[in-house]
Amino acid sequence: MNIIEQVEEYVKQKIEEYKNTSEDHYDFWNEHIKYVYNESLDLADKYNADKEIVALGSLLHDIALINKVGDRKDHHINGEIIAREVLDGLNYDETKKGKVLKCVYNHRSSKNATSVEELCVCDADIIAHFDNIPMLFNSAFNRNKVRLNEVREWMLSVFEKDYNDLSDRTKESFKDRYELICDVVLKKWYVRWPHTRHVETVMVLETKDV
């Protein structure tokens, strides 16, 4: 197996362990990682980035959460430590390893990216949320304890934050897709709740052509 296949096998094994031992039995691979992996490689093609670095960064970016190490707010820090141990165990090239570790450490915002590879992982992590809308419902109800009558407003705020966190170059190319998703997902539900603070935004969505 090549290095990408080895790391993927390791990550999937750890995900199975998480599913079998955690209360939520969350499937990191099918709910998030595979989307980040695919989107990051698409961006790597587009931006002429090193695909091996991007692939490994995307596979390992949430490894601290998968391994249940530390707090969520520090998972990029703990993830870098774990990723280093994994890559050291596979005798991975030192220079390449440093680039992968930066992808893991800086993945939480494109504003932190110092290379095109890091940017690919950052932006893919965000776009993955739009690829799997049901995951956001899981996050709303199970992790954030959002009440049913507030979930539409919560979804809109998440959509807006995610889109604004994209790098400028990806934001521009993702704009049409983002607007379509907002139109389809929020239009039919959200306009029925005029008491929320997002009334003006919602009404704009309602008047757009699909």
N, C-alpha and C. Protein backbone atom coordinates (compact mmCIF):
# COMPACT_ATOMS: atom_id res chain seq x y z
N MET A 1 0.85 -1.21 0.00
CA MET A 1 0.00 0.00 0.00
C MET A 1 0.87 1.24 0.00
N ASN A 2 0.42 2.28 -0.70
CA ASN A 2 1.14 3.54 -0.66
C ASN A 2 0.77 4.30 0.62
N ILE A 3 1.40 5.44 0.84
CA ILE A 3 1.23 6.18 2.09
C ILE A 3 -0.22 6.64 2.29
N ILE A 4 -0.88 7.04 1.23
CA ILE A 4 -2.26 7.49 1.34
C ILE A 4 -3.17 6.34 1.76
N GLU A 5 -2.97 5.19 1.15
CA GLU A 5 -3.77 4.01 1.49
C GLU A 5 -3.52 3.57 2.92
N GLN A 6 -2.28 3.66 3.37
CA GLN A 6 -1.95 3.28 4.74
C GLN A 6 -2.63 4.20 5.75
N VAL A 7 -2.57 5.50 5.48
CA VAL A 7 -3.19 6.46 6.39
C VAL A 7 -4.72 6.31 6.36
N GLU A 8 -5.27 6.10 5.19
CA GLU A 8 -6.72 5.90 5.09
C GLU A 8 -7.15 4.67 5.90
N GLU A 9 -6.38 3.60 5.81
CA GLU A 9 -6.69 2.39 6.56
C GLU A 9 -6.65 2.68 8.06
N TYR A 10 -5.63 3.43 8.50
CA TYR A 10 -5.51 3.79 9.93
C TYR A 10 -6.71 4.62 10.38
N VAL A 11 -7.06 5.62 9.60
CA VAL A 11 -8.17 6.51 9.96
C VAL A 11 -9.48 5.72 10.03
N LYS A 12 -9.73 4.86 9.07
CA LYS A 12 -10.96 4.08 9.07
C LYS A 12 -11.02 3.13 10.27
N GLN A 13 -9.88 2.58 10.64
CA GLN A 13 -9.83 1.71 11.82
C GLN A 13 -10.19 2.49 13.08
N LYS A 14 -9.64 3.71 13.20
CA LYS A 14 -9.93 4.53 14.37
C LYS A 14 -11.39 4.99 14.38
N ILE A 15 -11.94 5.20 13.21
CA ILE A 15 -13.35 5.58 13.13
C ILE A 15 -14.24 4.43 13.60
N GLU A 16 -13.89 3.21 13.23
CA GLU A 16 -14.65 2.05 13.69
C GLU A 16 -14.59 1.93 15.21
N GLU A 17 -13.42 2.19 15.77
CA GLU A 17 -13.28 2.16 17.22
C GLU A 17 -14.14 3.23 17.87
N TYR A 18 -14.16 4.41 17.27
CA TYR A 18 -14.99 5.49 17.80
C TYR A 18 -16.46 5.10 17.76
N LYS A 19 -16.90 4.60 16.64
CA LYS A 19 -18.31 4.21 16.48
C LYS A 19 -18.73 3.17 17.52
N ASN A 20 -17.83 2.26 17.84
CA ASN A 20 -18.15 1.17 18.75
C ASN A 20 -18.06 1.55 20.23
N THR A 21 -17.41 2.68 20.52
CA THR A 21 -17.19 3.03 21.93
C THR A 21 -17.81 4.36 22.36
N SER A 22 -18.31 5.13 21.41
CA SER A 22 -18.87 6.45 21.75
C SER A 22 -20.38 6.39 21.90
N GLU A 23 -20.93 7.36 22.60
CA GLU A 23 -22.38 7.40 22.80
C GLU A 23 -23.13 7.72 21.52
N ASP A 24 -22.55 8.58 20.69
CA ASP A 24 -23.27 8.99 19.48
C ASP A 24 -23.06 8.06 18.28
N HIS A 25 -22.03 7.19 18.36
CA HIS A 25 -21.73 6.24 17.27
C HIS A 25 -21.56 6.96 15.92
N TYR A 26 -21.03 8.16 16.00
CA TYR A 26 -20.90 8.99 14.79
C TYR A 26 -19.92 8.36 13.80
N ASP A 27 -20.33 8.32 12.54
CA ASP A 27 -19.51 7.74 11.48
C ASP A 27 -18.74 8.85 10.77
N PHE A 28 -17.56 9.15 11.28
CA PHE A 28 -16.76 10.24 10.72
C PHE A 28 -16.49 10.07 9.24
N TRP A 29 -16.28 8.83 8.80
CA TRP A 29 -15.92 8.63 7.40
C TRP A 29 -17.08 8.99 6.48
N ASN A 30 -18.21 8.36 6.68
CA ASN A 30 -19.33 8.54 5.76
C ASN A 30 -20.08 9.85 5.94
N GLU A 31 -19.93 10.47 7.10
CA GLU A 31 -20.62 11.73 7.35
C GLU A 31 -19.76 12.97 7.08
N HIS A 32 -18.42 12.79 7.06
CA HIS A 32 -17.60 14.00 6.89
C HIS A 32 -16.29 13.77 6.14
N ILE A 33 -15.45 12.86 6.62
CA ILE A 33 -14.09 12.75 6.08
C ILE A 33 -14.06 12.49 4.58
N LYS A 34 -14.92 11.59 4.11
CA LYS A 34 -14.88 11.26 2.67
C LYS A 34 -15.24 12.47 1.82
N TYR A 35 -16.11 13.33 2.32
CA TYR A 35 -16.47 14.54 1.58
C TYR A 35 -15.29 15.51 1.55
N VAL A 36 -14.63 15.67 2.68
CA VAL A 36 -13.46 16.56 2.73
C VAL A 36 -12.37 16.03 1.81
N TYR A 37 -12.17 14.73 1.83
CA TYR A 37 -11.14 14.11 0.99
C TYR A 37 -11.42 14.39 -0.49
N ASN A 38 -12.62 14.12 -0.93
CA ASN A 38 -12.96 14.32 -2.35
C ASN A 38 -12.91 15.79 -2.75
N GLU A 39 -13.46 16.65 -1.92
CA GLU A 39 -13.47 18.08 -2.24
C GLU A 39 -12.05 18.65 -2.25
N SER A 40 -11.22 18.20 -1.33
CA SER A 40 -9.85 18.72 -1.26
C SER A 40 -9.05 18.33 -2.49
N LEU A 41 -9.27 17.14 -3.00
CA LEU A 41 -8.55 16.72 -4.21
C LEU A 41 -9.06 17.46 -5.44
N ASP A 42 -10.35 17.78 -5.47
CA ASP A 42 -10.88 18.60 -6.56
C ASP A 42 -10.22 19.98 -6.54
N LEU A 43 -10.08 20.54 -5.35
CA LEU A 43 -9.44 21.85 -5.23
C LEU A 43 -7.95 21.76 -5.56
N ALA A 44 -7.32 20.65 -5.20
CA ALA A 44 -5.90 20.46 -5.52
C ALA A 44 -5.69 20.47 -7.03
N ASP A 45 -6.60 19.84 -7.75
CA ASP A 45 -6.54 19.86 -9.22
C ASP A 45 -6.68 21.30 -9.73
N LYS A 46 -7.63 22.00 -9.16
CA LYS A 46 -7.95 23.35 -9.61
C LYS A 46 -6.81 24.33 -9.32
N TYR A 47 -6.17 24.17 -8.15
CA TYR A 47 -5.16 25.12 -7.71
C TYR A 47 -3.73 24.61 -7.90
N ASN A 48 -3.60 23.45 -8.57
CA ASN A 48 -2.28 22.88 -8.84
C ASN A 48 -1.48 22.63 -7.56
N ALA A 49 -2.15 22.05 -6.57
CA ALA A 49 -1.52 21.75 -5.29
C ALA A 49 -0.96 20.32 -5.29
N ASP A 50 -0.13 20.02 -4.32
CA ASP A 50 0.45 18.68 -4.18
C ASP A 50 -0.65 17.75 -3.65
N LYS A 51 -1.08 16.82 -4.47
CA LYS A 51 -2.22 15.97 -4.12
C LYS A 51 -1.92 15.04 -2.94
N GLU A 52 -0.71 14.58 -2.85
CA GLU A 52 -0.36 13.68 -1.74
C GLU A 52 -0.49 14.42 -0.41
N ILE A 53 0.05 15.63 -0.35
CA ILE A 53 -0.04 16.44 0.88
C ILE A 53 -1.50 16.73 1.22
N VAL A 54 -2.25 17.12 0.22
CA VAL A 54 -3.67 17.44 0.43
C VAL A 54 -4.45 16.22 0.89
N ALA A 55 -4.20 15.08 0.25
CA ALA A 55 -4.92 13.86 0.61
C ALA A 55 -4.65 13.48 2.06
N LEU A 56 -3.39 13.50 2.46
CA LEU A 56 -3.03 13.13 3.83
C LEU A 56 -3.57 14.15 4.84
N GLY A 57 -3.50 15.42 4.48
CA GLY A 57 -4.04 16.45 5.38
C GLY A 57 -5.53 16.29 5.59
N SER A 58 -6.25 15.99 4.52
CA SER A 58 -7.71 15.83 4.63
C SER A 58 -8.07 14.58 5.43
N LEU A 59 -7.31 13.51 5.26
CA LEU A 59 -7.58 12.28 6.01
C LEU A 59 -7.33 12.45 7.50
N LEU A 60 -6.35 13.26 7.85
CA LEU A 60 -5.93 13.38 9.25
C LEU A 60 -6.45 14.63 9.96
N HIS A 61 -7.17 15.50 9.27
CA HIS A 61 -7.48 16.82 9.87
C HIS A 61 -8.32 16.73 11.14
N ASP A 62 -9.17 15.71 11.27
CA ASP A 62 -10.01 15.57 12.47
C ASP A 62 -9.60 14.38 13.33
N ILE A 63 -8.35 13.96 13.22
CA ILE A 63 -7.92 12.74 13.89
C ILE A 63 -8.01 12.84 15.41
N ALA A 64 -7.87 14.03 15.97
CA ALA A 64 -7.99 14.18 17.43
C ALA A 64 -9.42 13.93 17.89
N LEU A 65 -10.39 14.38 17.09
CA LEU A 65 -11.80 14.12 17.41
C LEU A 65 -12.10 12.62 17.32
N ILE A 66 -11.58 12.02 16.28
CA ILE A 66 -11.80 10.58 16.07
C ILE A 66 -11.19 9.77 17.21
N ASN A 67 -10.01 10.18 17.67
CA ASN A 67 -9.33 9.48 18.76
C ASN A 67 -9.79 9.94 20.14
N LYS A 68 -10.72 10.90 20.16
CA LYS A 68 -11.27 11.42 21.42
C LYS A 68 -10.17 11.96 22.34
N VAL A 69 -9.29 12.77 21.75
CA VAL A 69 -8.18 13.36 22.49
C VAL A 69 -8.43 14.86 22.66
N GLY A 70 -8.53 15.31 23.91
CA GLY A 70 -8.66 16.74 24.20
C GLY A 70 -10.04 17.30 23.86
N ASP A 71 -10.14 18.63 23.97
CA ASP A 71 -11.39 19.34 23.68
C ASP A 71 -11.52 19.61 22.19
N ARG A 72 -12.77 19.74 21.74
CA ARG A 72 -13.03 20.06 20.33
C ARG A 72 -12.31 21.34 19.91
N LYS A 73 -12.32 22.34 20.77
CA LYS A 73 -11.71 23.63 20.41
C LYS A 73 -10.21 23.52 20.16
N ASP A 74 -9.58 22.46 20.66
CA ASP A 74 -8.14 22.27 20.48
C ASP A 74 -7.82 21.11 19.54
N HIS A 75 -8.81 20.66 18.77
CA HIS A 75 -8.56 19.43 18.00
C HIS A 75 -7.53 19.62 16.88
N HIS A 76 -7.33 20.86 16.44
CA HIS A 76 -6.29 21.10 15.44
C HIS A 76 -4.89 20.96 16.07
N ILE A 77 -4.76 21.36 17.33
CA ILE A 77 -3.47 21.25 18.03
C ILE A 77 -3.16 19.79 18.34
N ASN A 78 -4.12 19.12 18.96
CA ASN A 78 -3.92 17.71 19.29
C ASN A 78 -3.83 16.85 18.03
N GLY A 79 -4.56 17.27 16.99
CA GLY A 79 -4.51 16.54 15.73
C GLY A 79 -3.12 16.55 15.11
N GLU A 80 -2.45 17.69 15.20
CA GLU A 80 -1.09 17.78 14.66
C GLU A 80 -0.16 16.79 15.38
N ILE A 81 -0.31 16.70 16.69
CA ILE A 81 0.53 15.79 17.48
C ILE A 81 0.29 14.34 17.07
N ILE A 82 -0.98 13.97 16.96
CA ILE A 82 -1.31 12.59 16.58
C ILE A 82 -0.86 12.29 15.16
N ALA A 83 -1.11 13.25 14.25
CA ALA A 83 -0.71 13.06 12.86
C ALA A 83 0.80 12.87 12.74
N ARG A 84 1.56 13.59 13.55
CA ARG A 84 3.02 13.42 13.54
C ARG A 84 3.39 11.99 13.94
N GLU A 85 2.73 11.49 14.98
CA GLU A 85 3.02 10.13 15.45
C GLU A 85 2.68 9.11 14.37
N VAL A 86 1.57 9.31 13.69
CA VAL A 86 1.15 8.39 12.64
C VAL A 86 2.16 8.38 11.49
N LEU A 87 2.53 9.57 11.05
CA LEU A 87 3.44 9.67 9.91
C LEU A 87 4.86 9.23 10.27
N ASP A 88 5.28 9.48 11.52
CA ASP A 88 6.58 8.98 11.98
C ASP A 88 6.60 7.46 11.94
N GLY A 89 5.48 6.86 12.36
CA GLY A 89 5.39 5.40 12.38
C GLY A 89 5.45 4.79 10.99
N LEU A 90 5.13 5.60 9.99
CA LEU A 90 5.17 5.13 8.60
C LEU A 90 6.44 5.59 7.88
N ASN A 91 7.38 6.18 8.66
CA ASN A 91 8.66 6.66 8.11
C ASN A 91 8.47 7.60 6.94
N TYR A 92 7.52 8.51 7.09
CA TYR A 92 7.21 9.45 6.01
C TYR A 92 8.28 10.53 5.90
N ASP A 93 8.51 10.99 4.70
CA ASP A 93 9.51 12.01 4.41
C ASP A 93 9.32 13.24 5.31
N GLU A 94 10.40 13.72 5.91
CA GLU A 94 10.34 14.81 6.89
C GLU A 94 9.78 16.10 6.29
N THR A 95 10.23 16.47 5.11
CA THR A 95 9.78 17.71 4.50
C THR A 95 8.30 17.63 4.18
N LYS A 96 7.87 16.53 3.60
CA LYS A 96 6.46 16.35 3.28
C LYS A 96 5.62 16.29 4.55
N LYS A 97 6.15 15.64 5.56
CA LYS A 97 5.43 15.51 6.82
C LYS A 97 5.11 16.89 7.40
N GLY A 98 6.09 17.79 7.36
CA GLY A 98 5.86 19.14 7.87
C GLY A 98 4.72 19.84 7.17
N LYS A 99 4.59 19.61 5.87
CA LYS A 99 3.51 20.23 5.10
C LYS A 99 2.15 19.64 5.48
N VAL A 100 2.12 18.34 5.68
CA VAL A 100 0.87 17.69 6.09
C VAL A 100 0.45 18.18 7.47
N LEU A 101 1.40 18.27 8.37
CA LEU A 101 1.09 18.71 9.74
C LEU A 101 0.53 20.13 9.76
N LYS A 102 1.01 20.97 8.88
CA LYS A 102 0.47 22.33 8.79
C LYS A 102 -0.96 22.30 8.26
N CYS A 103 -1.26 21.38 7.36
CA CYS A 103 -2.64 21.24 6.88
C CYS A 103 -3.57 20.89 8.03
N VAL A 104 -3.12 20.01 8.91
CA VAL A 104 -3.93 19.61 10.05
C VAL A 104 -4.06 20.77 11.04
N TYR A 105 -2.95 21.40 11.36
CA TYR A 105 -2.95 22.46 12.37
C TYR A 105 -3.76 23.68 11.93
N ASN A 106 -3.69 24.02 10.66
CA ASN A 106 -4.33 25.25 10.16
C ASN A 106 -5.66 25.01 9.46
N HIS A 107 -6.25 23.84 9.63
CA HIS A 107 -7.44 23.51 8.83
C HIS A 107 -8.71 24.23 9.25
N ARG A 108 -8.73 24.90 10.38
CA ARG A 108 -9.98 25.44 10.90
C ARG A 108 -10.41 26.75 10.26
N SER A 109 -9.52 27.38 9.52
CA SER A 109 -9.89 28.60 8.80
C SER A 109 -8.92 28.84 7.65
N SER A 110 -9.45 29.22 6.50
CA SER A 110 -8.58 29.52 5.36
C SER A 110 -7.71 30.74 5.64
N LYS A 111 -8.12 31.54 6.61
CA LYS A 111 -7.33 32.72 6.98
C LYS A 111 -5.99 32.32 7.57
N ASN A 112 -5.91 31.07 8.08
CA ASN A 112 -4.67 30.59 8.68
C ASN A 112 -3.75 29.91 7.67
N ALA A 113 -4.25 29.62 6.49
CA ALA A 113 -3.49 28.85 5.50
C ALA A 113 -2.23 29.59 5.05
N THR A 114 -1.13 28.87 5.04
CA THR A 114 0.14 29.44 4.58
C THR A 114 0.64 28.80 3.29
N SER A 115 -0.14 27.86 2.76
CA SER A 115 0.22 27.20 1.50
C SER A 115 -1.06 26.85 0.76
N VAL A 116 -0.94 26.56 -0.50
CA VAL A 116 -2.11 26.19 -1.30
C VAL A 116 -2.67 24.85 -0.84
N GLU A 117 -1.80 23.97 -0.34
CA GLU A 117 -2.27 22.69 0.17
C GLU A 117 -3.14 22.88 1.42
N GLU A 118 -2.69 23.75 2.30
CA GLU A 118 -3.49 24.04 3.50
C GLU A 118 -4.83 24.65 3.12
N LEU A 119 -4.81 25.54 2.15
CA LEU A 119 -6.04 26.18 1.69
C LEU A 119 -7.03 25.14 1.15
N CYS A 120 -6.52 24.16 0.42
CA CYS A 120 -7.40 23.11 -0.13
C CYS A 120 -8.11 22.35 0.98
N VAL A 121 -7.38 22.02 2.04
CA VAL A 121 -7.97 21.27 3.15
C VAL A 121 -8.95 22.15 3.92
N CYS A 122 -8.57 23.39 4.18
CA CYS A 122 -9.46 24.34 4.89
C CYS A 122 -10.79 24.49 4.16
N ASP A 123 -10.72 24.81 2.89
CA ASP A 123 -11.93 25.06 2.12
C ASP A 123 -12.76 23.80 1.93
N ALA A 124 -12.09 22.67 1.74
CA ALA A 124 -12.82 21.40 1.59
C ALA A 124 -13.57 21.04 2.86
N ASP A 125 -12.97 21.34 4.01
CA ASP A 125 -13.63 21.06 5.29
C ASP A 125 -14.95 21.82 5.40
N ILE A 126 -14.98 23.03 4.85
CA ILE A 126 -16.20 23.84 4.86
C ILE A 126 -17.20 23.34 3.82
N ILE A 127 -16.72 23.14 2.61
CA ILE A 127 -17.62 22.71 1.53
C ILE A 127 -18.28 21.37 1.87
N ALA A 128 -17.58 20.53 2.63
CA ALA A 128 -18.13 19.24 3.03
C ALA A 128 -19.43 19.39 3.81
N HIS A 129 -19.57 20.50 4.53
CA HIS A 129 -20.82 20.75 5.27
C HIS A 129 -22.00 20.90 4.31
N PHE A 130 -21.75 21.52 3.18
CA PHE A 130 -22.80 21.71 2.18
C PHE A 130 -23.08 20.42 1.41
N ASP A 131 -22.08 19.52 1.37
CA ASP A 131 -22.27 18.23 0.70
C ASP A 131 -23.17 17.31 1.51
N ASN A 132 -23.20 17.53 2.81
CA ASN A 132 -23.94 16.62 3.68
C ASN A 132 -24.81 17.42 4.66
N ILE A 133 -25.88 17.98 4.14
CA ILE A 133 -26.79 18.78 4.96
C ILE A 133 -27.35 18.01 6.16
N PRO A 134 -27.71 16.72 6.02
CA PRO A 134 -28.21 16.00 7.19
C PRO A 134 -27.26 16.01 8.38
N MET A 135 -25.94 16.07 8.12
CA MET A 135 -24.98 16.13 9.21
C MET A 135 -25.19 17.39 10.04
N LEU A 136 -25.59 18.49 9.38
CA LEU A 136 -25.84 19.73 10.11
C LEU A 136 -27.04 19.60 11.03
N PHE A 137 -28.03 18.84 10.61
CA PHE A 137 -29.17 18.59 11.49
C PHE A 137 -28.72 17.80 12.72
N ASN A 138 -27.86 16.82 12.50
CA ASN A 138 -27.32 16.05 13.62
C ASN A 138 -26.58 16.97 14.58
N SER A 139 -25.78 17.87 14.02
CA SER A 139 -25.04 18.82 14.84
C SER A 139 -25.98 19.74 15.60
N ALA A 140 -27.03 20.18 14.92
CA ALA A 140 -27.99 21.10 15.55
C ALA A 140 -28.68 20.45 16.75
N PHE A 141 -29.21 19.26 16.54
CA PHE A 141 -30.04 18.63 17.57
C PHE A 141 -29.21 17.92 18.65
N ASN A 142 -28.16 17.21 18.25
CA ASN A 142 -27.44 16.37 19.20
C ASN A 142 -26.29 17.08 19.90
N ARG A 143 -25.51 17.87 19.15
CA ARG A 143 -24.36 18.52 19.77
C ARG A 143 -24.72 19.89 20.33
N ASN A 144 -25.49 20.67 19.57
CA ASN A 144 -25.78 22.04 19.98
C ASN A 144 -27.12 22.22 20.68
N LYS A 145 -27.91 21.13 20.71
CA LYS A 145 -29.19 21.15 21.42
C LYS A 145 -30.10 22.29 20.96
N VAL A 146 -30.14 22.50 19.65
CA VAL A 146 -31.00 23.54 19.08
C VAL A 146 -32.44 23.06 19.10
N ARG A 147 -33.34 23.92 19.52
CA ARG A 147 -34.76 23.55 19.55
C ARG A 147 -35.33 23.56 18.14
N LEU A 148 -36.35 22.75 17.93
CA LEU A 148 -36.91 22.58 16.60
C LEU A 148 -37.34 23.89 15.98
N ASN A 149 -37.98 24.77 16.77
CA ASN A 149 -38.47 26.03 16.22
C ASN A 149 -37.36 27.05 15.97
N GLU A 150 -36.11 26.67 16.27
CA GLU A 150 -34.98 27.57 16.05
C GLU A 150 -33.98 27.02 15.02
N VAL A 151 -34.25 25.80 14.51
CA VAL A 151 -33.26 25.15 13.67
C VAL A 151 -33.06 25.86 12.34
N ARG A 152 -34.10 26.47 11.79
CA ARG A 152 -33.96 27.15 10.50
C ARG A 152 -33.04 28.36 10.63
N GLU A 153 -33.24 29.11 11.69
CA GLU A 153 -32.38 30.26 11.94
C GLU A 153 -30.94 29.82 12.18
N TRP A 154 -30.78 28.73 12.91
CA TRP A 154 -29.45 28.19 13.18
C TRP A 154 -28.76 27.76 11.90
N MET A 155 -29.51 27.08 11.02
CA MET A 155 -28.95 26.62 9.75
C MET A 155 -28.48 27.79 8.90
N LEU A 156 -29.26 28.84 8.84
CA LEU A 156 -28.88 30.01 8.05
C LEU A 156 -27.61 30.64 8.59
N SER A 157 -27.49 30.73 9.91
CA SER A 157 -26.29 31.33 10.50
C SER A 157 -25.06 30.47 10.21
N VAL A 158 -25.23 29.15 10.23
CA VAL A 158 -24.12 28.25 9.92
C VAL A 158 -23.71 28.38 8.46
N PHE A 159 -24.70 28.42 7.57
CA PHE A 159 -24.41 28.59 6.14
C PHE A 159 -23.61 29.87 5.90
N GLU A 160 -24.07 30.95 6.50
CA GLU A 160 -23.41 32.25 6.28
C GLU A 160 -21.99 32.25 6.82
N LYS A 161 -21.80 31.69 8.02
CA LYS A 161 -20.46 31.65 8.61
C LYS A 161 -19.53 30.79 7.77
N ASP A 162 -20.00 29.62 7.35
CA ASP A 162 -19.16 28.74 6.54
C ASP A 162 -18.74 29.41 5.23
N TYR A 163 -19.70 30.00 4.57
CA TYR A 163 -19.40 30.64 3.28
C TYR A 163 -18.37 31.77 3.46
N ASN A 164 -18.53 32.55 4.50
CA ASN A 164 -17.62 33.67 4.74
C ASN A 164 -16.24 33.22 5.19
N ASP A 165 -16.13 31.98 5.67
CA ASP A 165 -14.83 31.45 6.09
C ASP A 165 -14.03 30.87 4.93
N LEU A 166 -14.66 30.71 3.78
CA LEU A 166 -13.92 30.21 2.61
C LEU A 166 -12.89 31.24 2.15
N SER A 167 -11.84 30.76 1.51
CA SER A 167 -10.87 31.68 0.91
C SER A 167 -11.56 32.45 -0.21
N ASP A 168 -11.03 33.60 -0.54
CA ASP A 168 -11.67 34.44 -1.56
C ASP A 168 -11.77 33.72 -2.90
N ARG A 169 -10.73 32.97 -3.27
CA ARG A 169 -10.73 32.32 -4.59
C ARG A 169 -11.77 31.21 -4.64
N THR A 170 -11.93 30.48 -3.55
CA THR A 170 -12.94 29.41 -3.53
C THR A 170 -14.34 29.99 -3.37
N LYS A 171 -14.45 31.04 -2.60
CA LYS A 171 -15.76 31.67 -2.38
C LYS A 171 -16.36 32.12 -3.71
N GLU A 172 -15.56 32.66 -4.55
CA GLU A 172 -16.05 33.16 -5.84
C GLU A 172 -16.56 32.01 -6.71
N SER A 173 -15.82 30.91 -6.77
CA SER A 173 -16.22 29.79 -7.61
C SER A 173 -17.37 29.00 -6.99
N PHE A 174 -17.53 29.09 -5.68
CA PHE A 174 -18.58 28.34 -4.97
C PHE A 174 -19.88 29.15 -4.84
N LYS A 175 -19.84 30.40 -5.23
CA LYS A 175 -20.97 31.31 -4.99
C LYS A 175 -22.29 30.80 -5.56
N ASP A 176 -22.32 30.40 -6.81
CA ASP A 176 -23.57 29.94 -7.43
C ASP A 176 -24.11 28.70 -6.72
N ARG A 177 -23.22 27.79 -6.40
CA ARG A 177 -23.64 26.58 -5.69
C ARG A 177 -24.18 26.92 -4.31
N TYR A 178 -23.52 27.83 -3.62
CA TYR A 178 -23.95 28.26 -2.29
C TYR A 178 -25.35 28.89 -2.34
N GLU A 179 -25.56 29.76 -3.29
CA GLU A 179 -26.86 30.43 -3.39
C GLU A 179 -27.97 29.44 -3.74
N LEU A 180 -27.66 28.45 -4.58
CA LEU A 180 -28.64 27.44 -4.93
C LEU A 180 -29.01 26.60 -3.70
N ILE A 181 -27.99 26.19 -2.93
CA ILE A 181 -28.24 25.41 -1.73
C ILE A 181 -29.09 26.20 -0.74
N CYS A 182 -28.77 27.45 -0.53
CA CYS A 182 -29.56 28.29 0.38
C CYS A 182 -30.99 28.40 -0.11
N ASP A 183 -31.13 28.57 -1.40
CA ASP A 183 -32.47 28.73 -1.99
C ASP A 183 -33.30 27.46 -1.78
N VAL A 184 -32.71 26.32 -2.06
CA VAL A 184 -33.43 25.06 -1.97
C VAL A 184 -33.69 24.66 -0.51
N VAL A 185 -32.67 24.76 0.32
CA VAL A 185 -32.78 24.28 1.70
C VAL A 185 -33.58 25.22 2.59
N LEU A 186 -33.40 26.53 2.40
CA LEU A 186 -34.01 27.49 3.31
C LEU A 186 -35.30 28.10 2.82
N LYS A 187 -35.50 28.15 1.53
CA LYS A 187 -36.66 28.86 0.98
C LYS A 187 -37.98 28.30 1.47
N LYS A 188 -38.16 27.00 1.35
CA LYS A 188 -39.46 26.41 1.65
C LYS A 188 -39.76 26.37 3.13
N TRP A 189 -38.69 26.26 3.93
CA TRP A 189 -38.90 26.15 5.37
C TRP A 189 -38.88 27.51 6.04
N TYR A 190 -37.86 28.27 5.73
CA TYR A 190 -37.55 29.41 6.56
C TYR A 190 -38.51 30.58 6.42
N VAL A 191 -39.10 30.76 5.26
CA VAL A 191 -39.98 31.91 5.06
C VAL A 191 -41.24 31.82 5.92
N ARG A 192 -41.51 30.67 6.49
CA ARG A 192 -42.70 30.51 7.30
C ARG A 192 -42.50 30.98 8.74
N TRP A 193 -41.34 31.50 9.02
CA TRP A 193 -41.05 31.92 10.39
C TRP A 193 -40.66 33.40 10.39
N PRO A 194 -41.60 34.28 10.13
CA PRO A 194 -41.28 35.71 9.99
C PRO A 194 -40.88 36.40 11.28
N HIS A 195 -41.00 35.71 12.43
CA HIS A 195 -40.65 36.35 13.69
C HIS A 195 -39.15 36.35 13.95
N THR A 196 -38.35 35.64 13.13
CA THR A 196 -36.92 35.56 13.39
C THR A 196 -36.24 36.84 12.93
N ARG A 197 -35.02 36.98 13.39
CA ARG A 197 -34.27 38.19 13.07
C ARG A 197 -33.75 38.21 11.64
N HIS A 198 -33.90 37.08 10.91
CA HIS A 198 -33.39 36.99 9.54
C HIS A 198 -34.49 37.19 8.50
N VAL A 199 -35.53 37.88 8.86
CA VAL A 199 -36.68 38.01 7.96
C VAL A 199 -36.27 38.60 6.62
N GLU A 200 -35.50 39.66 6.63
CA GLU A 200 -35.16 40.33 5.36
C GLU A 200 -34.36 39.39 4.46
N THR A 201 -33.39 38.66 5.05
CA THR A 201 -32.59 37.73 4.26
C THR A 201 -33.47 36.64 3.67
N VAL A 202 -34.37 36.14 4.49
CA VAL A 202 -35.24 35.06 4.06
C VAL A 202 -36.15 35.50 2.93
N MET A 203 -36.69 36.68 3.02
CA MET A 203 -37.60 37.16 1.98
C MET A 203 -36.87 37.35 0.66
N VAL A 204 -35.60 37.70 0.72
CA VAL A 204 -34.79 37.80 -0.50
C VAL A 204 -34.67 36.42 -1.13
N LEU A 205 -34.42 35.39 -0.29
CA LEU A 205 -34.32 34.04 -0.81
C LEU A 205 -35.61 33.60 -1.46
N GLU A 206 -36.74 34.01 -0.89
CA GLU A 206 -38.02 33.57 -1.41
C GLU A 206 -38.28 34.13 -2.79
N THR A 207 -37.79 35.32 -3.08
CA THR A 207 -38.09 35.96 -4.35
C THR A 207 -37.12 35.57 -5.46
N LYS A 208 -36.08 34.82 -5.11
CA LYS A 208 -35.12 34.42 -6.14
C LYS A 208 -35.69 33.33 -7.02
N ASP A 209 -35.23 33.31 -8.25
CA ASP A 209 -35.62 32.24 -9.15
C ASP A 209 -34.82 30.99 -8.83
N VAL A 210 -35.45 29.85 -8.88
CA VAL A 210 -34.73 28.59 -8.64
C VAL A 210 -34.05 28.16 -9.94
